[in-house]
Each structure stands twice: as C-alpha cells, then as structure tokens.
Amino acid sequence: MNIQKQTGFVSTLNLSPGHCSDDFITLRHAILAKAEKISHFAPEIIIDEYDESILTFRNHFQALDFLVNTFRIAVNLGKNSKTKISLKSSLCTGEYFLHQNQIYGEAVNLATSLSCRSRANELLVCGLDLPVIDAFVDSHPDLDYCLRNSEQNCVAIHLPDSDITSGRAANNVLQLECNDLSKAFTSARNQRISIGRANDCDIAINSDEVSRHHATITLNYGSIFIEDHSANGSYLYFDNREIFLTNESMKLFRDGYISLGRNRQSRQGGSNIISYVLSGEAVPEDSRQPG
C-alpha cells in the first residue's frame, strides 16, 4: 500500500453547490482548464469528490492566482448565461495523504469545511499571513478582501459586485450618523473606519456594552463590509433582516443600521444606533434618523 504523506496548499472548489450532474461536472472542468490556460500553470493534483474538486498547489502564489482566475471565468460565464453559476472555494495549508486516486487528511478536512462556510463567489483563505493576502490583493485592482474570522486567521477574497466598477466613477460617499454625530467618508480602496468606545475611533460611542475598538467598517468603492472585534457582538439591520455578528465580518447592503453590543429593540429612543447609507453624494443632515 503506497500512501504518500505531503504538506502543501489544498483547495476545494464547488460549482453550484448541491448539484453534481454530468453537466455541472463538465462545466467545472471547463472552468479549471481555462484557468490553467490563463495562469500558465496547473494544480499539482485535481481530484473530483462528489460535487467538488480538491486541488493541491506548490505555493501560495500559484494557488491564489489560479483560484482567482477560476472566479473571474465563472462570474463572466454567469453574466452571459441563463444558468445561475455560483462558485465557492477555499484555500489552506497543512498535511494531507494521497493513495491511488484518493486524497484525505487534516488539510483536506479544513479546506472542505471552509468551502462550506464560504459565500457565493468567494474564496475563503485560512492560515496565510495577512501581509501576503494584502500584497496579493493590492496587485489585483479587481479584488476585494476582508477578515472573516480573526481567531482562525480566515480571510475572504472576492470579486466586487458588477455595479462597483461604475460606482467608482460616481464618487460614492458613506454617511454615518449616531446620536448627534454625522460623518461622511468618500469612497476609496479598502478605506477603514473604526467604531468603538475609544476616543481615537472615527465613530466614538460612550457606552458600557461597546468595546474600545468594537468594529471596523471597510468602504471599498461601492462595497461596505463590517468586521466585529468585540466581546458583545454587533447587530446589523438591512434588507428587513436582523443579523448578529461576533468576531467575524459581513458585507452590508447600501443602507441600514448597526447596533453595538445590544439589539436595536432594547435601546431607548434609538440612542447609540448607527445609521449608514452609501450614495453618490453626501446625505443632508437630519435626513436619516435611527429608528
């Protein structure tokens, strides 16, 4: 029995989760073949397991470059096709075992778990140093990233929405209002806005349930992300939903509310609730009141 133990970079790629028909398998292979042609190199190993492909790479640069190209191809196919194409992928580093046409081990288990947790058209990366991710994303103007889970060192890389490119020319402005404070932030690449109890925060809220550096909003042209760093979490309100976030990040709709450490219903008179809106121009004062 020839079982090979290896250490390297492992990725899983899932096209249209829940479907493993011959048509989707063929489409997945076509996307991988085109990514190989664009990247000028191929994964060391590609093994199909049910509705996903498991890939291994020699180094992180090749892995990131290849996987990002698969997303570009899939997104473009989705725009030009009546078939909804949803791609979820992951990348991690660790040990794995090869036996005949099978691959298993700690790194494979982690990659599969990350792929299940990733969102549509998102690459969830775990274990790579943040400066490596930052340098890679900075060298690709069409990419965004945000920290998904700081404890596990997980970063989400994705392509911006289709309306973001046009939004760059619109000079988008993010307007934040809380209590008597109103601030506007002009759109930029990965501009970070700090929120918390500390006086040096961009939006300072003096409340016991708010941590000193409670959360960070990242404004990246037409996209808004929030990352919670706190012990009590953050409550988000948009698209008629309430979402609780704790030590993770999430993309926001273009307008909504944020309540730190306590839900909106438990606050008296809407105090300490942040309202936000992203628009093409600054929002006049008093045009939005926390509800």
Protein backbone atom coordinates (compact mmCIF):
# COMPACT_ATOMS: atom_id res chain seq x y z
CA MET A 1 0.00 0.00 0.00
CA ASN A 2 1.68 3.20 -1.23
CA ILE A 3 0.35 6.06 0.91
CA GLN A 4 2.11 9.37 0.44
CA LYS A 5 2.08 11.98 3.19
CA GLN A 6 2.59 15.52 1.92
CA THR A 7 2.43 19.10 3.15
CA GLY A 8 1.20 21.86 0.92
CA PHE A 9 -1.67 24.11 -0.14
CA VAL A 10 -5.08 22.48 -0.50
CA SER A 11 -8.19 23.97 -2.06
CA THR A 12 -11.74 22.80 -2.66
CA LEU A 13 -13.88 24.21 -5.44
CA ASN A 14 -17.64 23.82 -5.54
CA LEU A 15 -19.71 24.93 -8.53
CA SER A 16 -23.44 25.46 -7.93
CA PRO A 17 -23.48 23.67 -4.51
CA GLY A 18 -25.88 20.74 -4.26
CA HIS A 19 -25.55 19.77 -7.92
CA CYS A 20 -23.20 17.05 -9.12
CA SER A 21 -24.78 16.27 -12.50
CA ASP A 22 -22.64 15.46 -15.51
CA ASP A 23 -23.36 18.91 -16.98
CA PHE A 24 -22.06 20.73 -13.92
CA ILE A 25 -19.02 18.46 -13.65
CA THR A 26 -18.22 19.17 -17.30
CA LEU A 27 -18.67 22.89 -16.73
CA ARG A 28 -16.42 22.79 -13.65
CA HIS A 29 -13.69 21.03 -15.63
CA ALA A 30 -14.02 23.57 -18.44
CA ILE A 31 -13.56 26.43 -15.96
CA LEU A 32 -10.48 24.78 -14.46
CA ALA A 33 -9.00 24.15 -17.92
CA LYS A 34 -9.49 27.79 -18.89
CA ALA A 35 -7.97 28.96 -15.57
CA GLU A 36 -4.95 26.76 -16.28
CA LYS A 37 -4.54 28.39 -19.70
CA ILE A 38 -4.75 31.92 -18.25
CA SER A 39 -2.47 31.18 -15.27
CA HIS A 40 0.08 29.25 -17.38
CA PHE A 41 0.27 26.51 -14.75
CA ALA A 42 -1.95 23.80 -13.33
CA PRO A 43 -2.61 22.49 -9.82
CA GLU A 44 -0.36 19.59 -8.90
CA ILE A 45 -3.41 17.40 -8.22
CA ILE A 46 -7.10 17.65 -9.18
CA ILE A 47 -9.43 15.03 -7.71
CA ASP A 48 -13.24 15.08 -8.03
CA GLU A 49 -15.17 14.17 -4.88
CA TYR A 50 -18.96 14.25 -5.36
CA ASP A 51 -19.93 17.87 -6.08
CA GLU A 52 -16.49 19.42 -5.51
CA SER A 53 -12.96 19.29 -6.86
CA ILE A 54 -9.98 19.05 -4.49
CA LEU A 55 -6.84 20.79 -5.73
CA THR A 56 -3.30 20.98 -4.37
CA PHE A 57 -0.67 23.61 -5.18
CA ARG A 58 3.07 24.03 -4.81
CA ASN A 59 2.98 27.53 -3.31
CA HIS A 60 0.51 30.17 -2.19
CA PHE A 61 1.09 32.49 -5.15
CA GLN A 62 0.16 29.83 -7.70
CA ALA A 63 -2.84 28.80 -5.61
CA LEU A 64 -4.21 32.33 -5.23
CA ASP A 65 -3.61 33.21 -8.87
CA PHE A 66 -5.25 30.04 -10.20
CA LEU A 67 -8.27 30.24 -7.89
CA VAL A 68 -8.89 33.93 -8.57
CA ASN A 69 -8.86 33.21 -12.29
CA THR A 70 -11.48 30.49 -11.80
CA PHE A 71 -13.71 33.08 -10.14
CA ARG A 72 -13.21 35.58 -12.95
CA ILE A 73 -14.16 32.94 -15.50
CA ALA A 74 -17.20 31.74 -13.54
CA VAL A 75 -18.50 35.28 -12.95
CA ASN A 76 -18.17 36.12 -16.64
CA LEU A 77 -19.95 32.89 -17.58
CA GLY A 78 -22.75 33.74 -15.19
CA LYS A 79 -23.23 37.15 -16.79
CA ASN A 80 -23.51 35.66 -20.26
CA SER A 81 -25.59 32.60 -19.40
CA LYS A 82 -29.17 31.90 -18.35
CA THR A 83 -27.80 29.33 -15.90
CA LYS A 84 -27.04 30.71 -12.44
CA ILE A 85 -23.40 29.94 -11.67
CA SER A 86 -22.34 30.03 -8.04
CA LEU A 87 -18.74 29.26 -7.12
CA LYS A 88 -17.49 28.60 -3.59
CA SER A 89 -13.87 27.85 -2.83
CA SER A 90 -11.27 27.61 -0.09
CA LEU A 91 -7.53 27.53 0.44
CA CYS A 92 -5.48 26.36 3.40
CA THR A 93 -2.11 24.83 4.16
CA GLY A 94 -1.33 21.65 6.04
CA GLU A 95 -0.76 17.90 5.80
CA TYR A 96 -2.67 15.51 3.57
CA PHE A 97 -2.37 11.91 2.33
CA LEU A 98 -2.52 10.52 -1.20
CA HIS A 99 -3.47 6.94 -2.02
CA GLN A 100 -4.20 5.98 -5.61
CA ASN A 101 -6.95 8.42 -6.66
CA GLN A 102 -7.91 9.41 -3.13
CA ILE A 103 -6.86 12.37 -1.00
CA TYR A 104 -7.61 12.85 2.67
CA GLY A 105 -6.20 14.30 5.87
CA GLU A 106 -6.33 17.36 8.10
CA ALA A 107 -5.78 19.94 5.34
CA VAL A 108 -8.46 18.37 3.13
CA ASN A 109 -10.97 18.36 6.00
CA LEU A 110 -10.24 22.02 6.75
CA ALA A 111 -10.49 23.03 3.09
CA THR A 112 -13.86 21.28 2.76
CA SER A 113 -15.12 22.94 5.95
CA LEU A 114 -14.02 26.37 4.70
CA SER A 115 -15.69 25.82 1.34
CA CYS A 116 -18.98 25.00 3.07
CA ARG A 117 -18.71 28.20 5.13
CA SER A 118 -17.76 30.44 2.21
CA ARG A 119 -20.38 32.50 0.44
CA ALA A 120 -21.27 32.52 -3.23
CA ASN A 121 -18.36 33.62 -5.45
CA GLU A 122 -15.99 33.86 -2.50
CA LEU A 123 -12.58 32.35 -1.77
CA LEU A 124 -12.12 31.70 1.95
CA VAL A 125 -8.41 31.51 2.86
CA CYS A 126 -7.13 30.22 6.21
CA GLY A 127 -3.57 30.09 7.55
CA LEU A 128 -1.84 32.55 5.21
CA ASP A 129 -0.23 35.63 6.70
CA LEU A 130 -2.31 38.77 6.27
CA PRO A 131 0.57 40.74 4.63
CA VAL A 132 0.69 38.02 1.95
CA ILE A 133 -3.04 38.40 1.27
CA ASP A 134 -2.78 42.19 1.37
CA ALA A 135 0.08 42.25 -1.15
CA PHE A 136 -1.72 39.85 -3.48
CA VAL A 137 -4.99 41.80 -3.42
CA ASP A 138 -3.19 45.12 -3.88
CA SER A 139 -1.62 43.76 -7.06
CA HIS A 140 -5.08 42.91 -8.47
CA PRO A 141 -7.30 46.02 -8.65
CA ASP A 142 -10.44 43.94 -9.32
CA LEU A 143 -10.24 42.11 -5.95
CA ASP A 144 -11.62 42.87 -2.51
CA TYR A 145 -10.91 41.10 0.78
CA CYS A 146 -11.98 41.26 4.39
CA LEU A 147 -11.11 39.42 7.59
CA ARG A 148 -13.80 36.83 8.22
CA ASN A 149 -12.53 35.30 11.47
CA SER A 150 -9.54 36.82 13.27
CA GLU A 151 -9.14 33.90 15.70
CA GLN A 152 -8.79 31.38 12.87
CA ASN A 153 -6.92 33.82 10.61
CA CYS A 154 -9.55 33.42 7.87
CA VAL A 155 -9.75 35.98 5.07
CA ALA A 156 -12.45 36.19 2.39
CA ILE A 157 -11.32 37.21 -1.12
CA HIS A 158 -13.90 38.03 -3.76
CA LEU A 159 -14.56 39.97 -6.93
CA PRO A 160 -16.59 43.16 -6.43
CA ASP A 161 -20.22 43.25 -7.49
CA SER A 162 -20.95 44.14 -11.07
CA ASP A 163 -22.11 47.64 -10.17
CA ILE A 164 -18.97 48.56 -8.21
CA THR A 165 -16.83 49.43 -11.21
CA SER A 166 -19.33 52.01 -12.37
CA GLY A 167 -19.73 53.12 -8.78
CA ARG A 168 -16.08 54.19 -8.60
CA ALA A 169 -16.74 56.99 -11.05
CA ALA A 170 -19.79 58.11 -9.06
CA ASN A 171 -17.63 59.29 -6.13
CA ASN A 172 -19.64 57.26 -3.61
CA VAL A 173 -19.97 58.64 -0.10
CA LEU A 174 -20.69 56.62 3.05
CA GLN A 175 -22.71 58.67 5.53
CA LEU A 176 -22.68 57.52 9.16
CA GLU A 177 -24.95 59.02 11.83
CA CYS A 178 -25.12 58.22 15.54
CA ASN A 179 -26.67 60.32 18.29
CA ASP A 180 -25.69 63.91 17.37
CA LEU A 181 -22.70 62.86 15.27
CA SER A 182 -22.77 62.81 11.47
CA LYS A 183 -19.72 61.94 9.35
CA ALA A 184 -19.23 61.37 5.63
CA PHE A 185 -16.45 59.23 4.14
CA THR A 186 -15.58 59.42 0.44
CA SER A 187 -15.18 56.08 -1.30
CA ALA A 188 -11.68 54.65 -1.64
CA ARG A 189 -9.94 51.30 -1.93
CA ASN A 190 -10.23 49.40 1.37
CA GLN A 191 -10.78 52.53 3.47
CA ARG A 192 -11.22 51.51 7.10
CA ILE A 193 -13.47 53.31 9.59
CA SER A 194 -13.13 52.44 13.29
CA ILE A 195 -16.08 52.26 15.69
CA GLY A 196 -15.88 51.87 19.45
CA ARG A 197 -15.69 53.45 22.88
CA ALA A 198 -12.11 54.74 22.49
CA ASN A 199 -11.71 58.44 21.78
CA ASP A 200 -9.46 57.74 18.77
CA CYS A 201 -12.25 55.88 16.91
CA ASP A 202 -13.77 57.54 13.85
CA ILE A 203 -17.19 56.91 15.38
CA ALA A 204 -16.86 57.03 19.19
CA ILE A 205 -19.76 55.73 21.31
CA ASN A 206 -19.56 56.09 25.09
CA SER A 207 -21.45 53.02 26.30
CA ASP A 208 -20.53 50.17 28.65
CA GLU A 209 -21.57 47.43 26.22
CA VAL A 210 -19.38 48.87 23.47
CA SER A 211 -15.75 47.70 23.35
CA ARG A 212 -12.90 50.19 22.99
CA HIS A 213 -12.36 49.10 19.40
CA HIS A 214 -15.63 47.33 18.76
CA ALA A 215 -15.85 47.06 14.97
CA THR A 216 -14.38 48.23 11.69
CA ILE A 217 -16.26 49.27 8.58
CA THR A 218 -14.37 48.85 5.32
CA LEU A 219 -15.51 51.04 2.46
CA ASN A 220 -14.22 49.78 -0.87
CA TYR A 221 -15.77 51.94 -3.59
CA GLY A 222 -19.28 50.51 -3.98
CA SER A 223 -18.97 47.82 -1.27
CA ILE A 224 -19.38 48.08 2.50
CA PHE A 225 -18.08 45.46 4.95
CA ILE A 226 -18.23 45.39 8.72
CA GLU A 227 -15.96 43.33 10.96
CA ASP A 228 -16.80 42.80 14.63
CA HIS A 229 -13.89 42.58 17.12
CA SER A 230 -15.90 42.72 20.35
CA ALA A 231 -16.99 40.56 23.25
CA ASN A 232 -20.68 41.54 22.97
CA GLY A 233 -21.05 41.42 19.20
CA SER A 234 -22.82 43.69 16.72
CA TYR A 235 -26.39 43.68 15.44
CA LEU A 236 -26.96 44.55 11.79
CA TYR A 237 -30.22 45.69 10.24
CA PHE A 238 -30.68 45.75 6.47
CA ASP A 239 -32.95 44.19 3.86
CA ASN A 240 -35.59 43.66 6.58
CA ARG A 241 -33.27 41.36 8.50
CA GLU A 242 -31.53 41.33 11.88
CA ILE A 243 -28.12 39.64 11.85
CA PHE A 244 -25.89 39.09 14.87
CA LEU A 245 -22.16 39.24 14.20
CA THR A 246 -19.41 38.23 16.63
CA ASN A 247 -15.70 38.23 15.72
CA GLU A 248 -16.48 37.86 12.03
CA SER A 249 -17.20 40.06 9.05
CA MET A 250 -20.04 40.56 6.62
CA LYS A 251 -20.93 42.56 3.56
CA LEU A 252 -23.65 45.16 4.09
CA PHE A 253 -26.40 46.48 1.86
CA ARG A 254 -26.17 50.13 0.81
CA ASP A 255 -28.24 51.38 3.76
CA GLY A 256 -29.25 50.12 7.16
CA TYR A 257 -28.48 50.31 10.88
CA ILE A 258 -25.80 49.00 13.26
CA SER A 259 -26.29 48.46 16.98
CA LEU A 260 -23.19 47.57 19.01
CA GLY A 261 -23.37 45.18 21.96
CA ARG A 262 -27.17 45.22 22.23
CA ASN A 263 -30.01 44.81 19.76
CA ARG A 264 -31.96 47.80 18.47
CA GLN A 265 -35.21 46.87 20.24
CA SER A 266 -33.60 47.14 23.69
CA ARG A 267 -32.30 50.68 23.16
CA GLN A 268 -34.29 53.64 24.42
CA GLY A 269 -35.17 56.28 21.84
CA GLY A 270 -32.74 54.92 19.26
CA SER A 271 -29.65 56.09 21.17
CA ASN A 272 -26.23 54.69 20.20
CA ILE A 273 -27.62 53.26 16.95
CA ILE A 274 -25.58 53.95 13.83
CA SER A 275 -27.43 54.57 10.60
CA TYR A 276 -25.50 54.27 7.35
CA VAL A 277 -26.14 54.91 3.68
CA LEU A 278 -23.86 54.70 0.65
CA SER A 279 -24.80 57.10 -2.11
CA GLY A 280 -23.37 59.13 -4.97
CA GLU A 281 -23.29 62.27 -2.90
CA ALA A 282 -23.31 63.29 0.76
CA VAL A 283 -26.64 62.85 2.53
CA PRO A 284 -28.03 66.06 4.06
CA GLU A 285 -28.04 66.22 7.83
CA ASP A 286 -31.19 65.05 9.64
CA SER A 287 -32.29 63.13 6.54
CA ARG A 288 -31.85 59.82 8.38
CA GLN A 289 -32.68 59.18 12.00
CA PRO A 290 -32.03 55.90 13.83
CA GLY A 291 -35.31 54.08 14.30
